Amino acid sequence: MTHHSITPTLAPFIAQQASPPSGIDTGAAGNTSSTGQSGAQPLGPNGGAGGTAQPGSNPLILFAPLLLLFVVMIFMSSRAQKKQKRQQQQMIDSIGRHDRVETIGGIIGTVAEMRDTEIVIKVDESTNTKIHVSKSAIKGVLKQSRRDNASASNDA
């Protein structure tokens, strides 16, 4: 039993069915003028007719949508970062004494004292252990003090 390959038998059929990309004249259509000469132009080094540049082949035009998308992504990313930074700053500004906070290191404690650039956090009530941390090290406020909630209800 001999094994026949399907590929060689389909090659002529596939070659007949294949057509060149639209807009490229290969000269295979047999265009002849009234003088009997072929109307096809010789192909240039880049596949263009007669070595002339094809219209719309400017690389800047091809990459413009990609470049525009990249610029929009950077713009949106910077806006998101500014918004997040503004929210963090508002949260830090709203911190008061007796608020329960968590640091980015995972330390949870109660605000004992506020200074210009740092916050003193009491982490243990029994031993009165306090830690000095930078204001930017505060991850979030877990519980506002009753003083802030009482003043908010009095305003209403």
N, C-alpha and C. Protein backbone atom coordinates (compact mmCIF):
# COMPACT_ATOMS: atom_id res chain seq x y z
N MET A 1 0.84 -1.16 0.00
CA MET A 1 0.00 0.00 0.00
C MET A 1 0.90 1.24 0.00
N THR A 2 0.69 2.08 -0.96
CA THR A 2 1.50 3.30 -1.04
C THR A 2 0.73 4.45 -0.44
N HIS A 3 1.47 5.31 0.16
CA HIS A 3 0.87 6.46 0.83
C HIS A 3 1.06 7.68 -0.09
N HIS A 4 -0.04 8.25 -0.51
CA HIS A 4 0.02 9.42 -1.39
C HIS A 4 -0.21 10.68 -0.59
N SER A 5 0.57 11.66 -0.86
CA SER A 5 0.42 12.95 -0.19
C SER A 5 -0.66 13.77 -0.88
N ILE A 6 -1.52 14.40 -0.10
CA ILE A 6 -2.60 15.20 -0.65
C ILE A 6 -2.08 16.55 -1.13
N THR A 7 -1.05 17.06 -0.51
CA THR A 7 -0.56 18.39 -0.82
C THR A 7 -0.14 18.56 -2.27
N PRO A 8 0.64 17.66 -2.89
CA PRO A 8 1.01 17.88 -4.28
C PRO A 8 -0.18 17.86 -5.24
N THR A 9 -1.21 17.11 -4.93
CA THR A 9 -2.35 17.06 -5.84
C THR A 9 -3.22 18.30 -5.72
N LEU A 10 -3.20 18.99 -4.58
CA LEU A 10 -4.00 20.19 -4.41
C LEU A 10 -3.25 21.46 -4.82
N ALA A 11 -1.95 21.37 -4.99
CA ALA A 11 -1.15 22.56 -5.29
C ALA A 11 -1.60 23.27 -6.57
N PRO A 12 -1.83 22.58 -7.69
CA PRO A 12 -2.28 23.32 -8.88
C PRO A 12 -3.65 23.96 -8.68
N PHE A 13 -4.54 23.29 -7.96
CA PHE A 13 -5.87 23.83 -7.72
C PHE A 13 -5.80 25.09 -6.85
N ILE A 14 -4.99 25.05 -5.82
CA ILE A 14 -4.83 26.20 -4.94
C ILE A 14 -4.20 27.36 -5.68
N ALA A 15 -3.24 27.09 -6.55
CA ALA A 15 -2.58 28.13 -7.32
C ALA A 15 -3.57 28.81 -8.26
N GLN A 16 -4.52 28.06 -8.80
CA GLN A 16 -5.53 28.65 -9.69
C GLN A 16 -6.49 29.53 -8.91
N GLN A 17 -6.84 29.11 -7.70
CA GLN A 17 -7.82 29.83 -6.91
C GLN A 17 -7.25 31.09 -6.25
N ALA A 18 -5.95 31.12 -6.01
CA ALA A 18 -5.34 32.25 -5.33
C ALA A 18 -5.36 33.46 -6.24
N SER A 19 -5.72 34.59 -5.67
CA SER A 19 -5.71 35.82 -6.45
C SER A 19 -4.84 36.83 -5.73
N PRO A 20 -4.23 37.75 -6.45
CA PRO A 20 -3.37 38.76 -5.81
C PRO A 20 -4.24 39.71 -4.98
N PRO A 21 -3.64 40.36 -3.98
CA PRO A 21 -4.37 41.34 -3.19
C PRO A 21 -4.94 42.44 -4.06
N SER A 22 -6.08 42.97 -3.66
CA SER A 22 -6.71 44.01 -4.47
C SER A 22 -5.81 45.24 -4.54
N GLY A 23 -5.82 45.88 -5.69
CA GLY A 23 -5.03 47.08 -5.89
C GLY A 23 -3.65 46.83 -6.44
N ILE A 24 -3.25 45.57 -6.61
CA ILE A 24 -1.92 45.27 -7.15
C ILE A 24 -2.12 44.61 -8.51
N ASP A 25 -1.54 45.22 -9.52
CA ASP A 25 -1.64 44.69 -10.87
C ASP A 25 -0.40 43.86 -11.14
N THR A 26 -0.60 42.54 -11.29
CA THR A 26 0.54 41.65 -11.52
C THR A 26 0.81 41.45 -13.00
N GLY A 27 -0.11 41.89 -13.85
CA GLY A 27 0.08 41.72 -15.28
C GLY A 27 -0.36 40.36 -15.77
N ALA A 28 -0.89 39.52 -14.91
CA ALA A 28 -1.29 38.18 -15.29
C ALA A 28 -2.62 38.17 -16.02
N ALA A 29 -3.36 39.25 -16.01
CA ALA A 29 -4.67 39.28 -16.65
C ALA A 29 -4.55 39.35 -18.16
N GLY A 30 -3.40 39.64 -18.67
CA GLY A 30 -3.20 39.67 -20.12
C GLY A 30 -3.74 40.93 -20.76
N ASN A 31 -3.62 42.03 -20.10
CA ASN A 31 -4.07 43.29 -20.67
C ASN A 31 -3.22 43.62 -21.88
N THR A 32 -3.84 43.78 -22.99
CA THR A 32 -3.12 44.13 -24.22
C THR A 32 -3.75 45.36 -24.80
N SER A 33 -2.93 46.20 -25.35
CA SER A 33 -3.44 47.40 -26.02
C SER A 33 -3.70 47.05 -27.48
N SER A 34 -4.10 48.01 -28.27
CA SER A 34 -4.40 47.77 -29.68
C SER A 34 -3.15 47.39 -30.47
N THR A 35 -1.98 47.68 -29.95
CA THR A 35 -0.75 47.34 -30.65
C THR A 35 -0.31 45.93 -30.33
N GLY A 36 -0.99 45.27 -29.37
CA GLY A 36 -0.63 43.90 -29.03
C GLY A 36 0.41 43.79 -27.94
N GLN A 37 0.82 44.92 -27.38
CA GLN A 37 1.80 44.87 -26.30
C GLN A 37 1.09 44.77 -24.96
N SER A 38 1.75 44.18 -24.03
CA SER A 38 1.19 44.01 -22.70
C SER A 38 1.12 45.36 -22.00
N GLY A 39 0.01 45.64 -21.31
CA GLY A 39 -0.17 46.91 -20.60
C GLY A 39 0.35 46.84 -19.18
N ALA A 40 0.91 45.72 -18.76
CA ALA A 40 1.39 45.58 -17.38
C ALA A 40 2.70 46.31 -17.20
N GLN A 41 2.86 46.91 -16.03
CA GLN A 41 4.09 47.60 -15.70
C GLN A 41 4.96 46.66 -14.90
N PRO A 42 6.27 46.80 -15.00
CA PRO A 42 7.15 45.94 -14.20
C PRO A 42 7.01 46.28 -12.72
N LEU A 43 7.17 45.28 -11.88
CA LEU A 43 7.05 45.47 -10.45
C LEU A 43 8.34 46.08 -9.90
N GLY A 44 8.17 47.02 -8.97
CA GLY A 44 9.32 47.65 -8.34
C GLY A 44 9.84 46.80 -7.19
N PRO A 45 10.82 47.28 -6.46
CA PRO A 45 11.42 46.51 -5.38
C PRO A 45 10.45 46.25 -4.22
N ASN A 46 9.48 47.12 -4.01
CA ASN A 46 8.52 46.95 -2.92
C ASN A 46 7.20 46.36 -3.40
N GLY A 47 7.15 45.87 -4.59
CA GLY A 47 5.93 45.27 -5.11
C GLY A 47 5.04 46.28 -5.81
N GLY A 48 5.41 47.54 -5.83
CA GLY A 48 4.62 48.57 -6.48
C GLY A 48 4.92 48.62 -7.96
N ALA A 49 4.02 49.16 -8.74
CA ALA A 49 4.21 49.23 -10.18
C ALA A 49 5.26 50.28 -10.52
N GLY A 50 6.25 49.92 -11.28
CA GLY A 50 7.26 50.84 -11.77
C GLY A 50 8.11 51.46 -10.68
N GLY A 51 8.11 50.92 -9.49
CA GLY A 51 8.95 51.44 -8.42
C GLY A 51 8.40 52.70 -7.78
N THR A 52 7.18 53.13 -8.14
CA THR A 52 6.60 54.32 -7.52
C THR A 52 5.90 53.92 -6.22
N ALA A 53 5.85 54.83 -5.28
CA ALA A 53 5.23 54.55 -3.99
C ALA A 53 3.72 54.48 -4.13
N GLN A 54 3.11 53.56 -3.45
CA GLN A 54 1.66 53.42 -3.45
C GLN A 54 1.06 54.50 -2.57
N PRO A 55 -0.08 55.05 -2.93
CA PRO A 55 -0.71 56.04 -2.07
C PRO A 55 -1.18 55.38 -0.77
N GLY A 56 -1.02 56.06 0.36
CA GLY A 56 -1.45 55.55 1.64
C GLY A 56 -0.43 54.63 2.29
N SER A 57 0.78 54.60 1.80
CA SER A 57 1.78 53.72 2.38
C SER A 57 2.67 54.45 3.38
N ASN A 58 2.27 55.64 3.80
CA ASN A 58 3.03 56.41 4.77
C ASN A 58 2.94 55.72 6.13
N PRO A 59 4.06 55.34 6.74
CA PRO A 59 4.01 54.64 8.02
C PRO A 59 3.40 55.47 9.14
N LEU A 60 3.53 56.79 9.05
CA LEU A 60 2.94 57.65 10.08
C LEU A 60 1.41 57.52 10.07
N ILE A 61 0.83 57.42 8.90
CA ILE A 61 -0.62 57.27 8.77
C ILE A 61 -1.04 55.92 9.34
N LEU A 62 -0.24 54.90 9.12
CA LEU A 62 -0.60 53.57 9.60
C LEU A 62 -0.52 53.48 11.13
N PHE A 63 0.42 54.17 11.75
CA PHE A 63 0.59 54.09 13.19
C PHE A 63 -0.13 55.19 13.95
N ALA A 64 -0.79 56.11 13.26
CA ALA A 64 -1.49 57.22 13.92
C ALA A 64 -2.58 56.72 14.87
N PRO A 65 -3.45 55.78 14.50
CA PRO A 65 -4.46 55.31 15.46
C PRO A 65 -3.83 54.66 16.68
N LEU A 66 -2.77 53.90 16.48
CA LEU A 66 -2.10 53.26 17.60
C LEU A 66 -1.46 54.31 18.52
N LEU A 67 -0.85 55.31 17.95
CA LEU A 67 -0.25 56.39 18.71
C LEU A 67 -1.32 57.17 19.48
N LEU A 68 -2.44 57.44 18.84
CA LEU A 68 -3.53 58.14 19.48
C LEU A 68 -4.08 57.34 20.67
N LEU A 69 -4.23 56.05 20.49
CA LEU A 69 -4.70 55.19 21.57
C LEU A 69 -3.72 55.20 22.74
N PHE A 70 -2.44 55.17 22.46
CA PHE A 70 -1.40 55.20 23.49
C PHE A 70 -1.47 56.51 24.28
N VAL A 71 -1.64 57.63 23.61
CA VAL A 71 -1.72 58.93 24.27
C VAL A 71 -2.97 59.00 25.15
N VAL A 72 -4.09 58.49 24.67
CA VAL A 72 -5.33 58.50 25.46
C VAL A 72 -5.17 57.63 26.70
N MET A 73 -4.52 56.47 26.57
CA MET A 73 -4.32 55.60 27.72
C MET A 73 -3.45 56.28 28.78
N ILE A 74 -2.40 56.96 28.38
CA ILE A 74 -1.53 57.66 29.32
C ILE A 74 -2.30 58.78 30.01
N PHE A 75 -3.11 59.51 29.25
CA PHE A 75 -3.90 60.61 29.81
C PHE A 75 -4.89 60.08 30.85
N MET A 76 -5.59 59.00 30.53
CA MET A 76 -6.56 58.43 31.47
C MET A 76 -5.87 57.88 32.72
N SER A 77 -4.72 57.29 32.54
CA SER A 77 -3.97 56.75 33.67
C SER A 77 -3.52 57.87 34.61
N SER A 78 -3.05 58.96 34.06
CA SER A 78 -2.59 60.08 34.89
C SER A 78 -3.77 60.70 35.63
N ARG A 79 -4.93 60.77 35.00
CA ARG A 79 -6.12 61.31 35.68
C ARG A 79 -6.52 60.42 36.85
N ALA A 80 -6.45 59.10 36.64
CA ALA A 80 -6.80 58.17 37.72
C ALA A 80 -5.83 58.30 38.89
N GLN A 81 -4.56 58.45 38.59
CA GLN A 81 -3.56 58.61 39.65
C GLN A 81 -3.77 59.91 40.42
N LYS A 82 -4.10 60.99 39.73
CA LYS A 82 -4.35 62.27 40.40
C LYS A 82 -5.58 62.17 41.30
N LYS A 83 -6.62 61.49 40.81
CA LYS A 83 -7.83 61.33 41.60
C LYS A 83 -7.56 60.52 42.86
N GLN A 84 -6.80 59.44 42.73
CA GLN A 84 -6.47 58.60 43.87
C GLN A 84 -5.61 59.38 44.88
N LYS A 85 -4.67 60.17 44.40
CA LYS A 85 -3.82 60.96 45.28
C LYS A 85 -4.65 62.02 46.01
N ARG A 86 -5.61 62.63 45.33
CA ARG A 86 -6.48 63.63 45.95
C ARG A 86 -7.34 62.99 47.04
N GLN A 87 -7.88 61.80 46.78
CA GLN A 87 -8.68 61.10 47.79
C GLN A 87 -7.83 60.74 49.01
N GLN A 88 -6.60 60.30 48.78
CA GLN A 88 -5.69 59.96 49.88
C GLN A 88 -5.41 61.20 50.73
N GLN A 89 -5.19 62.33 50.09
CA GLN A 89 -4.90 63.57 50.81
C GLN A 89 -6.11 64.01 51.62
N GLN A 90 -7.31 63.88 51.05
CA GLN A 90 -8.52 64.24 51.80
C GLN A 90 -8.70 63.34 53.02
N MET A 91 -8.41 62.06 52.86
CA MET A 91 -8.52 61.12 53.96
C MET A 91 -7.53 61.48 55.07
N ILE A 92 -6.31 61.82 54.71
CA ILE A 92 -5.29 62.19 55.70
C ILE A 92 -5.68 63.48 56.40
N ASP A 93 -6.22 64.44 55.64
CA ASP A 93 -6.63 65.71 56.25
C ASP A 93 -7.81 65.54 57.21
N SER A 94 -8.63 64.52 56.99
CA SER A 94 -9.82 64.33 57.83
C SER A 94 -9.52 63.54 59.11
N ILE A 95 -8.30 63.03 59.24
CA ILE A 95 -7.95 62.25 60.43
C ILE A 95 -7.88 63.17 61.64
N GLY A 96 -8.45 62.71 62.74
CA GLY A 96 -8.42 63.47 63.99
C GLY A 96 -8.00 62.55 65.14
N ARG A 97 -7.85 63.14 66.31
CA ARG A 97 -7.49 62.36 67.50
C ARG A 97 -8.58 61.34 67.79
N HIS A 98 -8.16 60.19 68.28
CA HIS A 98 -9.02 59.08 68.68
C HIS A 98 -9.62 58.31 67.50
N ASP A 99 -9.18 58.60 66.28
CA ASP A 99 -9.60 57.81 65.12
C ASP A 99 -8.81 56.52 65.09
N ARG A 100 -9.44 55.46 64.68
CA ARG A 100 -8.75 54.17 64.53
C ARG A 100 -8.26 54.09 63.10
N VAL A 101 -6.93 53.92 62.91
CA VAL A 101 -6.32 53.93 61.58
C VAL A 101 -5.48 52.68 61.36
N GLU A 102 -5.21 52.42 60.08
CA GLU A 102 -4.32 51.32 59.69
C GLU A 102 -3.22 51.90 58.80
N THR A 103 -1.99 51.47 59.07
CA THR A 103 -0.86 51.94 58.26
C THR A 103 -0.66 50.99 57.08
N ILE A 104 0.17 51.41 56.13
CA ILE A 104 0.44 50.55 54.98
C ILE A 104 1.26 49.32 55.38
N GLY A 105 1.85 49.36 56.56
CA GLY A 105 2.58 48.21 57.09
C GLY A 105 1.69 47.23 57.83
N GLY A 106 0.40 47.58 57.98
CA GLY A 106 -0.53 46.69 58.65
C GLY A 106 -0.70 46.96 60.14
N ILE A 107 -0.11 48.01 60.65
CA ILE A 107 -0.24 48.34 62.07
C ILE A 107 -1.56 49.08 62.27
N ILE A 108 -2.33 48.61 63.24
CA ILE A 108 -3.62 49.24 63.55
C ILE A 108 -3.52 49.86 64.93
N GLY A 109 -3.98 51.10 65.02
CA GLY A 109 -3.92 51.79 66.30
C GLY A 109 -4.83 52.99 66.33
N THR A 110 -4.79 53.69 67.43
CA THR A 110 -5.62 54.87 67.65
C THR A 110 -4.73 56.11 67.61
N VAL A 111 -5.19 57.13 66.91
CA VAL A 111 -4.41 58.36 66.79
C VAL A 111 -4.37 59.05 68.15
N ALA A 112 -3.16 59.26 68.65
CA ALA A 112 -2.97 59.92 69.94
C ALA A 112 -2.61 61.38 69.76
N GLU A 113 -1.85 61.68 68.69
CA GLU A 113 -1.37 63.04 68.50
C GLU A 113 -1.14 63.28 67.01
N MET A 114 -1.44 64.49 66.57
CA MET A 114 -1.21 64.88 65.17
C MET A 114 -0.12 65.94 65.15
N ARG A 115 0.85 65.77 64.26
CA ARG A 115 1.90 66.77 64.08
C ARG A 115 1.91 67.19 62.62
N ASP A 116 2.87 68.05 62.24
CA ASP A 116 2.91 68.55 60.86
C ASP A 116 3.05 67.44 59.83
N THR A 117 4.06 66.61 60.00
CA THR A 117 4.34 65.58 58.99
C THR A 117 4.17 64.16 59.50
N GLU A 118 3.85 64.03 60.79
CA GLU A 118 3.72 62.68 61.34
C GLU A 118 2.52 62.56 62.27
N ILE A 119 2.16 61.32 62.53
CA ILE A 119 1.06 61.01 63.42
C ILE A 119 1.58 60.05 64.48
N VAL A 120 1.17 60.27 65.72
CA VAL A 120 1.53 59.36 66.81
C VAL A 120 0.35 58.43 67.03
N ILE A 121 0.62 57.13 66.88
CA ILE A 121 -0.43 56.12 67.00
C ILE A 121 -0.19 55.30 68.26
N LYS A 122 -1.25 55.15 69.06
CA LYS A 122 -1.18 54.30 70.25
C LYS A 122 -1.63 52.91 69.81
N VAL A 123 -0.71 51.93 69.92
CA VAL A 123 -1.00 50.59 69.44
C VAL A 123 -1.37 49.62 70.55
N ASP A 124 -1.06 49.96 71.80
CA ASP A 124 -1.38 49.07 72.92
C ASP A 124 -1.84 49.91 74.10
N GLU A 125 -3.06 49.65 74.54
CA GLU A 125 -3.63 50.42 75.64
C GLU A 125 -2.99 50.07 76.98
N SER A 126 -2.69 48.78 77.21
CA SER A 126 -2.19 48.36 78.52
C SER A 126 -0.78 48.88 78.80
N THR A 127 0.08 48.90 77.81
CA THR A 127 1.46 49.38 78.02
C THR A 127 1.66 50.79 77.51
N ASN A 128 0.63 51.38 76.95
CA ASN A 128 0.68 52.74 76.41
C ASN A 128 1.78 52.89 75.34
N THR A 129 1.89 51.87 74.48
CA THR A 129 2.90 51.87 73.41
C THR A 129 2.44 52.78 72.28
N LYS A 130 3.34 53.69 71.87
CA LYS A 130 3.03 54.64 70.80
C LYS A 130 4.07 54.52 69.69
N ILE A 131 3.61 54.72 68.47
CA ILE A 131 4.49 54.67 67.30
C ILE A 131 4.33 55.96 66.53
N HIS A 132 5.44 56.52 66.08
CA HIS A 132 5.43 57.71 65.24
C HIS A 132 5.51 57.24 63.78
N VAL A 133 4.54 57.64 62.97
CA VAL A 133 4.55 57.29 61.55
C VAL A 133 4.32 58.54 60.72
N SER A 134 4.77 58.48 59.50
CA SER A 134 4.54 59.56 58.57
C SER A 134 3.06 59.60 58.18
N LYS A 135 2.55 60.79 57.88
CA LYS A 135 1.15 60.89 57.47
C LYS A 135 0.88 60.10 56.20
N SER A 136 1.85 60.03 55.33
CA SER A 136 1.66 59.30 54.07
C SER A 136 1.63 57.79 54.27
N ALA A 137 1.99 57.32 55.48
CA ALA A 137 1.98 55.88 55.76
C ALA A 137 0.61 55.38 56.19
N ILE A 138 -0.37 56.27 56.29
CA ILE A 138 -1.71 55.87 56.70
C ILE A 138 -2.44 55.30 55.49
N LYS A 139 -2.88 54.07 55.63
CA LYS A 139 -3.60 53.38 54.54
C LYS A 139 -5.08 53.75 54.54
N GLY A 140 -5.66 53.82 55.74
CA GLY A 140 -7.07 54.16 55.80
C GLY A 140 -7.54 54.37 57.21
N VAL A 141 -8.71 54.99 57.31
CA VAL A 141 -9.34 55.22 58.60
C VAL A 141 -10.36 54.10 58.80
N LEU A 142 -10.18 53.32 59.86
CA LEU A 142 -11.08 52.20 60.13
C LEU A 142 -12.33 52.67 60.85
N LYS A 143 -12.17 53.63 61.77
CA LYS A 143 -13.31 54.11 62.55
C LYS A 143 -13.07 55.55 62.93
N GLN A 144 -14.04 56.41 62.59
CA GLN A 144 -13.95 57.81 62.98
C GLN A 144 -14.28 57.92 64.47
N SER A 145 -13.73 58.93 65.12
CA SER A 145 -14.02 59.14 66.54
C SER A 145 -15.44 59.64 66.71
N ARG A 146 -16.00 59.46 67.88
CA ARG A 146 -17.38 59.90 68.15
C ARG A 146 -17.49 61.41 68.09
N ARG A 147 -16.41 62.09 68.40
CA ARG A 147 -16.40 63.55 68.35
C ARG A 147 -16.77 64.06 66.96
N ASP A 148 -16.19 63.42 65.90
CA ASP A 148 -16.49 63.83 64.52
C ASP A 148 -17.92 63.50 64.16
N ASN A 149 -18.42 62.34 64.57
CA ASN A 149 -19.80 61.96 64.27
C ASN A 149 -20.80 62.86 64.99
N ALA A 150 -20.49 63.25 66.22
CA ALA A 150 -21.38 64.11 66.99
C ALA A 150 -21.45 65.50 66.37
N SER A 151 -20.33 66.03 65.91
CA SER A 151 -20.34 67.35 65.29
C SER A 151 -21.06 67.32 63.95
N ALA A 152 -21.01 66.21 63.23
CA ALA A 152 -21.73 66.09 61.97
C ALA A 152 -23.23 66.05 62.20
N SER A 153 -23.69 65.38 63.26
CA SER A 153 -25.12 65.30 63.55
C SER A 153 -25.65 66.64 64.08
N ASN A 154 -24.82 67.42 64.75
CA ASN A 154 -25.24 68.73 65.24
C ASN A 154 -25.41 69.72 64.10
N ASP A 155 -24.65 69.56 63.00
CA ASP A 155 -24.74 70.44 61.86
C ASP A 155 -26.03 70.22 61.10
N ALA A 156 -26.62 69.04 61.16
CA ALA A 156 -27.81 68.71 60.38
C ALA A 156 -29.07 69.22 60.96
